[in-house]
Amino acid sequence: MASDDRFPLPAKQYRRFVFFFHALTLGSLVGALVWVLWYGRGALGWPEIVTSVLLVVQMGIYLGLMVSGQQWPLPRNRLLLYFAANLALWLVEYWLVPGVFWVVFAYIGQMFGLLPARFGIIATLFVSGILFATNTAGGASELDVALLLGTQAVWASIVVFMLYINHLTRTSQERGELIAELQAAKAELEAAQQREAELAVLRERERMARDLHDSLGHTLVALSVQLEAIQRLYRVDPEAASAQVDDMKDLTRSSMDALRRSIAGLRAPTLEDRALRPALQALCVDFGERCGLEVTCQVDQAADGLRPALAETLWRVTQEALTNVEKHAGARSVDVALACAPNAVTLRIADDGAGFSPGDELQPNRFGLRGMRERVEGLGGTLALDGSEAGTVLEARLPIIRG
């Protein structure tokens, strides 16, 4: 049996529907068998025996393919073979014991439920023609016209009803398949978000390793060289050695400040469940106090309603942009503005620092800039950088997809 995910019904209701479907078909066959045995109870002849055996064969086919079959739904060619074989068995049964003619309608109902409607229409025409031909086999008469019209009316009624059932079945299957596709898309999106989070962690580790190497690593090398020089100077020029010690103190203090900034960046919290607007405002306040810069922050109130992936990207881009301002810009003031429009959100970060050359983004050590661009473009947005002697303007624009 197929997974219930293909159908819009809850699992319990779907199992009840399938049980009813099986009970109706098997009940028709069992009822026909009981009727045949009861009909010939006084003198059971070979027609009744053969018909009973064929009905049991039909039950076995149904149990083997429909009830206990491992593949559902059956391939089109196997379904056509299944219905062709059962219609052939019905023809023999109807020829031997005409009273079991009604068994065929169970198979016609299955056709409309499992096959395209045209197969069911062809089958009803075939069955109606057989029934009309056998009822008029004695010769033509005026009653044949009434019988023909009655047969056509019954056929039309059956077709209309079965087409309605077929429409409901097809609609349910299409809706179920759509639900399954949406669930698969959701799973893929969650996996992509997980991969993005892992990639962000790797990028952050790479950035921290680079920062420690560029700052603390170089400082330790310089201190080591100066210590060796002091050892030699103390014997010949104590005053120069003392001055060198003072220089080492200044270098150590600056290195400690750089290390504190790196640790602060490492401890920078993720957005998590916080609202974007107050989180950005707090980030700007902390940045201004730590760096001694004048920071203005204007965030649209609608920012708190952005979807999590969008809010997290804006938060990360702001973090990285402010970090670049601190390291490279030499600015005195920074303006952060986030504006929400009906179909897009725009983040603009401007500083009055040293400016930015478009070619700087291609430099090997500009991982932060490339990371920001990848984040923004990964959500279908654009990232623009405009640098001059008057400062740098970063503008990220992301589309808002309404659910």
Protein backbone atom coordinates (compact mmCIF):
# COMPACT_ATOMS: atom_id res chain seq x y z
CA MET A 1 0.00 0.00 0.00
CA ALA A 2 1.27 3.49 -0.80
CA SER A 3 2.29 5.97 1.81
CA ASP A 4 -0.60 7.96 3.22
CA ASP A 5 1.38 11.12 2.42
CA ARG A 6 0.12 10.86 -1.16
CA PHE A 7 -3.44 11.49 0.00
CA PRO A 8 -4.92 14.52 1.76
CA LEU A 9 -6.88 12.37 4.22
CA PRO A 10 -5.44 11.69 7.68
CA ALA A 11 -3.98 8.21 8.04
CA LYS A 12 -6.87 6.81 10.09
CA GLN A 13 -9.54 8.11 7.73
CA TYR A 14 -7.62 6.88 4.71
CA ARG A 15 -7.38 3.37 6.16
CA ARG A 16 -11.13 3.39 6.77
CA PHE A 17 -11.73 4.43 3.16
CA VAL A 18 -9.51 1.63 1.86
CA PHE A 19 -11.24 -0.88 4.15
CA PHE A 20 -14.65 0.21 2.82
CA PHE A 21 -13.37 -0.08 -0.76
CA HIS A 22 -12.13 -3.63 -0.16
CA ALA A 23 -15.27 -4.66 1.74
CA LEU A 24 -17.52 -3.42 -1.06
CA THR A 25 -15.69 -5.33 -3.78
CA LEU A 26 -15.17 -8.55 -1.84
CA GLY A 27 -18.71 -8.30 -0.47
CA SER A 28 -20.07 -8.21 -4.02
CA LEU A 29 -18.15 -11.33 -4.97
CA VAL A 30 -19.09 -13.18 -1.78
CA GLY A 31 -22.73 -12.14 -2.19
CA ALA A 32 -22.75 -13.42 -5.76
CA LEU A 33 -21.21 -16.73 -4.63
CA VAL A 34 -23.81 -17.16 -1.90
CA TRP A 35 -26.60 -16.33 -4.34
CA VAL A 36 -25.35 -18.87 -6.90
CA LEU A 37 -25.11 -21.63 -4.29
CA TRP A 38 -28.54 -20.74 -2.91
CA TYR A 39 -30.04 -20.54 -6.39
CA GLY A 40 -28.89 -24.08 -7.28
CA ARG A 41 -29.31 -25.59 -3.81
CA GLY A 42 -31.76 -28.25 -4.97
CA ALA A 43 -29.84 -29.47 -7.97
CA LEU A 44 -26.41 -27.85 -8.23
CA GLY A 45 -25.37 -28.20 -11.88
CA TRP A 46 -22.10 -27.65 -13.64
CA PRO A 47 -22.94 -24.00 -14.59
CA GLU A 48 -23.34 -23.10 -10.92
CA ILE A 49 -20.18 -25.00 -9.95
CA VAL A 50 -18.07 -23.36 -12.67
CA THR A 51 -19.50 -19.93 -11.79
CA SER A 52 -18.71 -20.48 -8.10
CA VAL A 53 -15.13 -21.47 -8.95
CA LEU A 54 -14.70 -18.37 -11.15
CA LEU A 55 -16.01 -16.13 -8.37
CA VAL A 56 -13.49 -17.64 -5.96
CA VAL A 57 -10.74 -17.05 -8.56
CA GLN A 58 -11.80 -13.40 -8.79
CA MET A 59 -11.60 -13.10 -5.00
CA GLY A 60 -8.07 -14.55 -5.09
CA ILE A 61 -7.00 -12.12 -7.81
CA TYR A 62 -8.36 -9.17 -5.85
CA LEU A 63 -6.77 -10.28 -2.58
CA GLY A 64 -3.43 -10.91 -4.27
CA LEU A 65 -3.22 -7.68 -6.26
CA MET A 66 -5.33 -5.11 -4.44
CA VAL A 67 -5.31 -6.10 -0.77
CA SER A 68 -1.93 -7.71 -0.11
CA GLY A 69 0.01 -6.34 -3.09
CA GLN A 70 3.28 -4.58 -2.26
CA GLN A 71 2.98 -2.04 -5.06
CA TRP A 72 0.25 0.61 -5.02
CA PRO A 73 -1.13 1.96 -7.18
CA LEU A 74 -0.55 -0.77 -9.75
CA PRO A 75 1.13 0.20 -13.03
CA ARG A 76 -1.30 1.07 -15.85
CA ASN A 77 -0.54 -2.07 -17.87
CA ARG A 78 -1.18 -4.37 -14.86
CA LEU A 79 -4.44 -2.59 -14.08
CA LEU A 80 -5.63 -2.99 -17.67
CA LEU A 81 -4.73 -6.71 -17.54
CA TYR A 82 -6.53 -7.03 -14.18
CA PHE A 83 -9.75 -5.49 -15.52
CA ALA A 84 -9.61 -7.34 -18.85
CA ALA A 85 -9.23 -10.71 -17.07
CA ASN A 86 -12.09 -10.00 -14.65
CA LEU A 87 -14.41 -8.80 -17.42
CA ALA A 88 -13.64 -12.01 -19.33
CA LEU A 89 -14.46 -14.07 -16.23
CA TRP A 90 -17.66 -12.07 -15.75
CA LEU A 91 -18.73 -12.80 -19.33
CA VAL A 92 -18.39 -16.54 -18.67
CA GLU A 93 -20.24 -16.22 -15.36
CA TYR A 94 -23.02 -14.19 -16.96
CA TRP A 95 -23.36 -16.72 -19.79
CA LEU A 96 -23.59 -19.59 -17.30
CA VAL A 97 -25.72 -17.88 -14.61
CA PRO A 98 -27.27 -14.60 -15.88
CA GLY A 99 -28.38 -13.67 -12.37
CA VAL A 100 -24.85 -12.55 -11.41
CA PHE A 101 -24.77 -9.76 -14.01
CA TRP A 102 -24.61 -7.07 -11.28
CA VAL A 103 -21.10 -8.18 -10.18
CA VAL A 104 -19.64 -6.29 -13.13
CA PHE A 105 -20.61 -2.93 -11.67
CA ALA A 106 -18.10 -3.39 -8.86
CA TYR A 107 -15.34 -3.59 -11.48
CA ILE A 108 -16.72 -0.62 -13.38
CA GLY A 109 -16.58 1.40 -10.17
CA GLN A 110 -12.95 0.36 -9.72
CA MET A 111 -12.16 1.44 -13.27
CA PHE A 112 -13.50 4.93 -12.69
CA GLY A 113 -11.49 5.14 -9.48
CA LEU A 114 -8.16 3.72 -10.72
CA LEU A 115 -8.06 4.45 -14.46
CA PRO A 116 -8.71 7.51 -16.63
CA ALA A 117 -12.44 8.08 -17.18
CA ARG A 118 -12.34 7.00 -20.85
CA PHE A 119 -11.63 3.37 -19.88
CA GLY A 120 -14.64 3.33 -17.55
CA ILE A 121 -16.89 4.81 -20.24
CA ILE A 122 -15.74 2.20 -22.77
CA ALA A 123 -16.35 -0.58 -20.21
CA THR A 124 -19.88 0.65 -19.40
CA LEU A 125 -20.70 0.82 -23.12
CA PHE A 126 -19.41 -2.73 -23.55
CA VAL A 127 -21.38 -4.08 -20.59
CA SER A 128 -24.55 -2.21 -21.59
CA GLY A 129 -24.26 -3.57 -25.10
CA ILE A 130 -23.87 -7.13 -23.76
CA LEU A 131 -26.89 -6.78 -21.48
CA PHE A 132 -29.04 -5.26 -24.25
CA ALA A 133 -27.97 -7.90 -26.78
CA THR A 134 -28.81 -10.78 -24.46
CA ASN A 135 -32.20 -9.31 -23.57
CA THR A 136 -33.15 -8.89 -27.23
CA ALA A 137 -31.74 -12.17 -28.47
CA GLY A 138 -35.24 -13.54 -29.05
CA GLY A 139 -35.95 -11.17 -31.92
CA ALA A 140 -36.91 -7.56 -32.52
CA SER A 141 -40.17 -6.13 -31.22
CA GLU A 142 -41.70 -2.85 -30.21
CA LEU A 143 -40.54 -3.49 -26.62
CA ASP A 144 -36.94 -3.49 -27.84
CA VAL A 145 -37.06 0.29 -28.33
CA ALA A 146 -38.20 0.85 -24.76
CA LEU A 147 -35.56 -1.60 -23.54
CA LEU A 148 -32.87 0.21 -25.55
CA LEU A 149 -33.92 3.61 -24.20
CA GLY A 150 -34.02 2.21 -20.68
CA THR A 151 -30.61 0.66 -21.08
CA GLN A 152 -29.18 3.94 -22.38
CA ALA A 153 -30.74 5.86 -19.49
CA VAL A 154 -29.22 3.46 -16.98
CA TRP A 155 -25.86 3.68 -18.73
CA ALA A 156 -25.95 7.50 -18.76
CA SER A 157 -26.87 7.62 -15.07
CA ILE A 158 -24.03 5.27 -14.18
CA VAL A 159 -21.52 7.24 -16.26
CA VAL A 160 -22.51 10.60 -14.74
CA PHE A 161 -22.25 9.23 -11.21
CA MET A 162 -18.98 7.45 -11.89
CA LEU A 163 -17.48 10.53 -13.55
CA TYR A 164 -18.23 12.47 -10.41
CA ILE A 165 -16.53 9.80 -8.32
CA ASN A 166 -13.59 9.79 -10.74
CA HIS A 167 -13.26 13.57 -10.42
CA LEU A 168 -13.21 13.36 -6.63
CA THR A 169 -10.61 10.59 -6.72
CA ARG A 170 -8.33 12.41 -9.13
CA THR A 171 -8.62 15.66 -7.20
CA SER A 172 -7.74 13.86 -3.96
CA GLN A 173 -4.72 12.21 -5.56
CA GLU A 174 -3.48 15.49 -7.04
CA ARG A 175 -3.90 17.27 -3.72
CA GLY A 176 -2.11 14.44 -1.95
CA GLU A 177 0.79 14.54 -4.40
CA LEU A 178 0.99 18.33 -3.97
CA ILE A 179 1.14 17.91 -0.21
CA ALA A 180 3.93 15.36 -0.59
CA GLU A 181 5.85 17.74 -2.89
CA LEU A 182 5.43 20.60 -0.43
CA GLN A 183 6.68 18.41 2.41
CA ALA A 184 9.69 17.39 0.33
CA ALA A 185 10.38 21.03 -0.55
CA LYS A 186 10.14 21.97 3.12
CA ALA A 187 12.61 19.23 4.03
CA GLU A 188 15.01 20.43 1.32
CA LEU A 189 14.71 24.02 2.55
CA GLU A 190 15.43 22.97 6.14
CA ALA A 191 18.45 20.99 4.94
CA ALA A 192 19.68 24.00 2.95
CA GLN A 193 19.29 26.23 5.99
CA GLN A 194 21.23 23.72 8.07
CA ARG A 195 24.02 23.65 5.48
CA GLU A 196 24.05 27.46 5.42
CA ALA A 197 24.35 27.55 9.22
CA GLU A 198 27.24 25.07 9.13
CA LEU A 199 28.92 27.08 6.36
CA ALA A 200 28.53 30.26 8.41
CA VAL A 201 30.25 28.56 11.35
CA LEU A 202 33.14 27.48 9.13
CA ARG A 203 33.48 30.99 7.73
CA GLU A 204 33.48 32.44 11.24
CA ARG A 205 36.20 30.02 12.30
CA GLU A 206 38.24 30.92 9.25
CA ARG A 207 37.83 34.63 9.99
CA MET A 208 38.86 34.16 13.62
CA ALA A 209 41.91 32.12 12.63
CA ARG A 210 42.91 34.80 10.16
CA ASP A 211 42.42 37.58 12.71
CA LEU A 212 44.46 35.78 15.35
CA HIS A 213 47.21 35.09 12.84
CA ASP A 214 47.29 38.69 11.56
CA SER A 215 47.14 40.34 14.97
CA LEU A 216 48.26 38.12 17.83
CA GLY A 217 50.60 36.00 15.73
CA HIS A 218 52.49 38.97 14.32
CA THR A 219 52.63 40.60 17.75
CA LEU A 220 54.16 37.53 19.37
CA VAL A 221 56.79 37.37 16.65
CA ALA A 222 57.61 41.04 17.17
CA LEU A 223 57.80 40.61 20.96
CA SER A 224 60.12 37.64 20.55
CA VAL A 225 62.49 39.63 18.32
CA GLN A 226 62.43 42.60 20.71
CA LEU A 227 63.17 40.42 23.75
CA GLU A 228 66.27 39.07 22.03
CA ALA A 229 67.35 42.62 21.23
CA ILE A 230 66.81 43.73 24.85
CA GLN A 231 68.98 40.90 26.13
CA ARG A 232 71.87 42.23 24.05
CA LEU A 233 71.17 45.94 24.76
CA TYR A 234 71.06 45.71 28.57
CA ARG A 235 74.82 45.13 28.75
CA VAL A 236 75.83 47.94 26.41
CA ASP A 237 72.96 50.48 26.51
CA PRO A 238 70.51 50.07 29.42
CA GLU A 239 68.57 53.22 28.48
CA ALA A 240 67.87 51.95 24.96
CA ALA A 241 66.86 48.60 26.43
CA SER A 242 64.44 50.35 28.81
CA ALA A 243 62.92 52.29 25.94
CA GLN A 244 62.52 49.03 24.06
CA VAL A 245 60.68 47.60 27.06
CA ASP A 246 58.29 50.57 26.98
CA ASP A 247 57.64 49.89 23.30
CA MET A 248 56.91 46.24 24.14
CA LYS A 249 54.43 47.36 26.78
CA ASP A 250 52.58 49.50 24.24
CA LEU A 251 52.61 46.66 21.72
CA THR A 252 51.30 44.24 24.35
CA ARG A 253 48.47 46.61 25.31
CA SER A 254 47.42 47.11 21.70
CA SER A 255 47.53 43.35 21.17
CA MET A 256 45.33 42.84 24.23
CA ASP A 257 42.84 45.36 22.83
CA ALA A 258 42.80 43.52 19.49
CA LEU A 259 42.33 40.21 21.27
CA ARG A 260 39.41 41.60 23.27
CA ARG A 261 37.79 42.81 20.05
CA SER A 262 38.23 39.39 18.48
CA ILE A 263 36.74 37.67 21.52
CA ALA A 264 33.83 40.13 21.48
CA GLY A 265 33.23 39.27 17.85
CA LEU A 266 33.40 35.56 18.66
CA ARG A 267 30.86 35.98 21.43
CA ALA A 268 28.50 38.05 19.28
CA PRO A 269 25.14 36.32 19.71
CA THR A 270 23.02 35.08 16.86
CA LEU A 271 19.60 36.53 16.28
CA GLU A 272 17.86 33.36 17.51
CA ASP A 273 14.33 34.24 18.73
CA ARG A 274 14.93 37.96 19.23
CA ALA A 275 13.05 40.55 17.20
CA LEU A 276 15.22 42.11 14.49
CA ARG A 277 14.55 45.79 15.26
CA PRO A 278 15.66 45.86 18.93
CA ALA A 279 18.52 43.44 18.15
CA LEU A 280 19.94 45.78 15.48
CA GLN A 281 19.53 48.80 17.75
CA ALA A 282 21.37 47.04 20.59
CA LEU A 283 24.11 45.94 18.18
CA CYS A 284 24.65 49.53 17.00
CA VAL A 285 24.74 50.87 20.56
CA ASP A 286 27.31 48.25 21.64
CA PHE A 287 29.39 48.88 18.53
CA GLY A 288 29.42 52.64 19.09
CA GLU A 289 30.42 52.32 22.74
CA ARG A 290 33.16 49.78 22.03
CA CYS A 291 34.72 51.66 19.12
CA GLY A 292 34.04 55.23 20.24
CA LEU A 293 32.08 56.02 17.07
CA GLU A 294 28.89 57.97 16.54
CA VAL A 295 26.32 55.44 15.30
CA THR A 296 22.77 56.25 14.20
CA CYS A 297 20.31 53.39 13.73
CA GLN A 298 16.92 53.68 12.05
CA VAL A 299 14.98 50.41 11.65
CA ASP A 300 11.45 50.12 10.29
CA GLN A 301 9.00 48.62 12.78
CA ALA A 302 7.87 46.18 10.09
CA ALA A 303 11.29 44.51 10.34
CA ASP A 304 10.06 42.45 13.28
CA GLY A 305 7.61 40.68 10.95
CA LEU A 306 10.20 39.43 8.49
CA ARG A 307 10.62 35.69 8.08
CA PRO A 308 13.47 34.15 10.13
CA ALA A 309 15.85 33.44 7.22
CA LEU A 310 15.54 37.02 5.99
CA ALA A 311 15.99 38.53 9.46
CA GLU A 312 19.03 36.36 10.19
CA THR A 313 20.70 37.40 6.92
CA LEU A 314 20.13 41.12 7.61
CA TRP A 315 21.51 40.66 11.12
CA ARG A 316 24.64 38.88 9.88
CA VAL A 317 25.27 41.42 7.11
CA THR A 318 25.01 44.28 9.61
CA GLN A 319 27.44 42.53 11.97
CA GLU A 320 30.00 41.95 9.23
CA ALA A 321 29.63 45.45 7.80
CA LEU A 322 30.23 47.08 11.20
CA THR A 323 33.22 44.78 11.76
CA ASN A 324 34.70 45.99 8.45
CA VAL A 325 34.11 49.59 9.46
CA GLU A 326 35.97 48.97 12.72
CA LYS A 327 38.93 47.25 11.06
CA HIS A 328 39.41 49.12 7.81
CA ALA A 329 37.44 52.35 7.54
CA GLY A 330 38.92 54.59 10.23
CA ALA A 331 35.53 56.28 10.36
CA ARG A 332 34.13 58.72 12.90
CA SER A 333 30.43 58.03 12.31
CA VAL A 334 28.22 55.28 10.87
CA ASP A 335 24.58 55.40 9.72
CA VAL A 336 22.53 52.18 9.74
CA ALA A 337 19.06 52.23 8.15
CA LEU A 338 16.66 49.39 7.39
CA ALA A 339 13.48 50.13 5.41
CA CYS A 340 10.67 47.72 4.56
CA ALA A 341 8.56 48.04 1.41
CA PRO A 342 5.66 45.75 0.40
CA ASN A 343 7.88 43.52 -1.75
CA ALA A 344 11.45 44.18 -0.55
CA VAL A 345 13.57 45.21 2.42
CA THR A 346 16.62 47.46 2.07
CA LEU A 347 19.57 47.67 4.48
CA ARG A 348 21.87 50.68 4.06
CA ILE A 349 25.08 51.15 6.05
CA ALA A 350 27.15 54.29 5.38
CA ASP A 351 30.37 55.52 7.04
CA ASP A 352 32.64 58.56 6.61
CA GLY A 353 35.84 56.54 6.59
CA ALA A 354 38.64 55.88 4.15
CA GLY A 355 36.42 54.63 1.37
CA PHE A 356 36.33 51.41 -0.56
CA SER A 357 37.69 50.39 -3.92
CA PRO A 358 35.58 47.97 -6.00
CA GLY A 359 38.67 45.83 -6.52
CA ASP A 360 39.11 45.36 -2.78
CA GLU A 361 36.36 42.75 -2.74
CA LEU A 362 38.49 40.50 -4.94
CA GLN A 363 41.45 40.58 -2.58
CA PRO A 364 42.29 37.17 -1.00
CA ASN A 365 41.67 38.40 2.55
CA ARG A 366 38.21 39.86 1.90
CA PHE A 367 36.24 36.82 3.05
CA GLY A 368 33.71 38.92 4.96
CA LEU A 369 32.64 40.86 1.88
CA ARG A 370 32.25 37.71 -0.17
CA GLY A 371 30.34 36.06 2.68
CA MET A 372 27.88 38.97 2.83
CA ARG A 373 27.30 38.82 -0.91
CA GLU A 374 26.74 35.06 -0.83
CA ARG A 375 24.23 35.39 2.01
CA VAL A 376 22.25 38.10 0.24
CA GLU A 377 22.29 36.52 -3.22
CA GLY A 378 21.39 33.15 -1.69
CA LEU A 379 17.99 34.63 -0.80
CA GLY A 380 17.51 36.22 -4.22
CA GLY A 381 18.77 39.67 -3.20
CA THR A 382 21.47 42.09 -4.37
CA LEU A 383 24.42 43.68 -2.58
CA ALA A 384 25.90 46.98 -3.77
CA LEU A 385 29.07 48.69 -2.52
CA ASP A 386 29.90 52.31 -3.29
CA GLY A 387 33.22 53.63 -1.97
CA SER A 388 34.87 57.04 -2.25
CA GLU A 389 37.15 59.32 -0.29
CA ALA A 390 34.09 60.48 1.66
CA GLY A 391 33.34 56.98 2.91
CA THR A 392 31.62 53.73 1.96
CA VAL A 393 27.96 52.90 1.40
CA LEU A 394 26.78 49.30 1.55
CA GLU A 395 23.24 48.57 0.39
CA ALA A 396 21.59 45.12 0.56
CA ARG A 397 18.19 44.63 -1.00
CA LEU A 398 16.23 41.42 -0.37
CA PRO A 399 12.84 40.37 -1.78
CA ILE A 400 9.96 39.74 0.62
CA ILE A 401 8.02 36.61 -0.36
CA ARG A 402 4.51 36.67 1.02
CA GLY A 403 3.12 33.29 2.15
